[in-house]
Amino acid sequence: MPMNDDPLRPVIGRGGLVVVIKGDQVLAACAARGMSLEKLRLDARLSRPTLQAALRGKRVRPSTLLKLAQALKRNPVLEEASELLTGVAPKIGPTRQGEGDPKDD
C-alpha cells in the first residue's frame, strides 16, 4: 500500500513537496469575508493559473497554501456574512438574570 494514498496529504512530487488545498473551503472563506477570488489572488500575490489550480484540487507548493492563508487572515470574517452562510447566529453573551424570563409568583 503506498504511503501517500490520501490525496490531501502533502507528498513529494517531481518539483519537491506539494499539497492539495480544498477549493470549497477557500470559496467559503472568501464568502465569509465578502471577498472576491480576484481580491484573494491579488492579496496572495498569486497568478491566475496558480489560484485556479489550487481551487481545482491540483497539487500546489506549500508556499501557495501559506500565501492564501495569510491573505485570508488579513481580511476579517464578517459575522453577518458567516451567519448568512451557516445559519448560525453569533454568540451574543449572557443576558441579565430575569431578562425575558417569566417571573415566578
Protein backbone atom coordinates (compact mmCIF):
# COMPACT_ATOMS: atom_id res chain seq x y z
CA MET A 1 0.00 0.00 0.00
CA PRO A 2 1.51 3.40 -0.97
CA MET A 3 2.40 5.75 1.87
CA ASN A 4 0.63 8.73 0.31
CA ASP A 5 -2.70 7.19 -0.70
CA ASP A 6 -4.65 10.15 0.79
CA PRO A 7 -4.88 12.85 -1.93
CA LEU A 8 -4.99 15.64 0.70
CA ARG A 9 -1.71 14.64 2.30
CA PRO A 10 1.47 16.53 1.46
CA VAL A 11 3.55 14.47 -0.95
CA ILE A 12 6.92 14.70 -2.59
CA GLY A 13 6.40 15.42 -6.27
CA ARG A 14 8.87 15.95 -9.10
CA GLY A 15 9.30 19.58 -8.04
CA GLY A 16 9.50 18.89 -4.30
CA LEU A 17 6.88 18.98 -1.57
CA VAL A 18 3.33 19.65 -2.80
CA VAL A 19 -0.07 19.92 -1.10
CA VAL A 20 -3.71 19.80 -2.16
CA ILE A 21 -5.98 22.61 -0.97
CA LYS A 22 -9.71 22.08 -0.51
CA GLY A 23 -11.18 24.53 -3.00
CA ASP A 24 -14.63 24.57 -1.40
CA GLN A 25 -13.03 25.70 1.88
CA VAL A 26 -11.28 28.57 0.09
CA LEU A 27 -14.56 29.62 -1.54
CA ALA A 28 -16.37 29.53 1.82
CA ALA A 29 -13.58 31.52 3.46
CA CYS A 30 -13.82 34.19 0.76
CA ALA A 31 -17.61 34.32 1.01
CA ALA A 32 -17.46 34.78 4.80
CA ARG A 33 -15.18 37.76 4.23
CA GLY A 34 -17.16 39.29 1.39
CA MET A 35 -14.01 38.79 -0.67
CA SER A 36 -13.81 38.03 -4.39
CA LEU A 37 -11.45 35.41 -5.74
CA GLU A 38 -9.68 38.16 -7.66
CA LYS A 39 -9.04 40.10 -4.45
CA LEU A 40 -7.78 36.91 -2.81
CA ARG A 41 -5.50 36.28 -5.76
CA LEU A 42 -4.11 39.81 -5.67
CA ASP A 43 -3.72 39.85 -1.87
CA ALA A 44 -1.95 36.48 -2.00
CA ARG A 45 0.19 37.62 -4.95
CA LEU A 46 -0.64 34.52 -6.96
CA SER A 47 -1.03 34.10 -10.70
CA ARG A 48 -4.46 33.22 -12.05
CA PRO A 49 -3.30 29.76 -13.17
CA THR A 50 -1.89 29.00 -9.70
CA LEU A 51 -5.09 30.03 -7.91
CA GLN A 52 -7.22 28.11 -10.43
CA ALA A 53 -5.08 25.01 -9.96
CA ALA A 54 -5.39 25.26 -6.17
CA LEU A 55 -9.17 25.69 -6.36
CA ARG A 56 -9.47 22.68 -8.69
CA GLY A 57 -7.66 20.43 -6.24
CA LYS A 58 -4.41 20.27 -8.17
CA ARG A 59 -1.18 19.90 -6.24
CA VAL A 60 0.49 23.20 -5.39
CA ARG A 61 3.54 24.24 -3.42
CA PRO A 62 3.25 24.80 0.32
CA SER A 63 4.16 28.46 -0.29
CA THR A 64 0.87 28.82 -2.21
CA LEU A 65 -1.03 27.47 0.79
CA LEU A 66 0.83 29.91 3.05
CA LYS A 67 0.13 32.90 0.77
CA LEU A 68 -3.59 32.05 0.65
CA ALA A 69 -3.79 31.59 4.42
CA GLN A 70 -2.02 34.90 5.05
CA ALA A 71 -4.25 36.77 2.60
CA LEU A 72 -7.36 35.35 4.28
CA LYS A 73 -6.01 36.24 7.72
CA ARG A 74 -5.53 39.88 6.67
CA ASN A 75 -9.24 40.10 5.80
CA PRO A 76 -11.51 39.52 8.80
CA VAL A 77 -14.57 37.29 8.73
CA LEU A 78 -17.77 39.31 8.65
CA GLU A 79 -20.05 37.90 11.35
CA GLU A 80 -23.17 38.78 9.38
CA ALA A 81 -21.87 37.03 6.26
CA SER A 82 -20.89 34.00 8.30
CA GLU A 83 -24.38 33.90 9.80
CA LEU A 84 -25.98 34.05 6.36
CA LEU A 85 -23.77 31.21 5.14
CA THR A 86 -24.11 28.92 8.15
CA GLY A 87 -27.49 29.89 9.54
CA VAL A 88 -25.91 30.14 12.98
CA ALA A 89 -26.23 33.47 14.78
CA PRO A 90 -23.08 34.73 16.51
CA LYS A 91 -22.99 34.29 20.26
CA ILE A 92 -24.09 37.48 21.97
CA GLY A 93 -23.19 36.60 25.54
CA PRO A 94 -25.22 36.01 28.66
CA THR A 95 -28.34 38.04 29.24
CA ARG A 96 -29.06 39.70 32.55
CA GLN A 97 -30.80 37.46 35.06
CA GLY A 98 -34.55 37.61 34.75
CA GLU A 99 -34.50 39.39 31.39
CA GLY A 100 -37.10 37.75 29.19
CA ASP A 101 -37.84 35.02 31.74
CA PRO A 102 -41.33 34.69 33.18
CA LYS A 103 -41.45 35.72 36.81
CA ASP A 104 -42.09 33.06 39.44
CA ASP A 105 -45.04 34.08 41.62
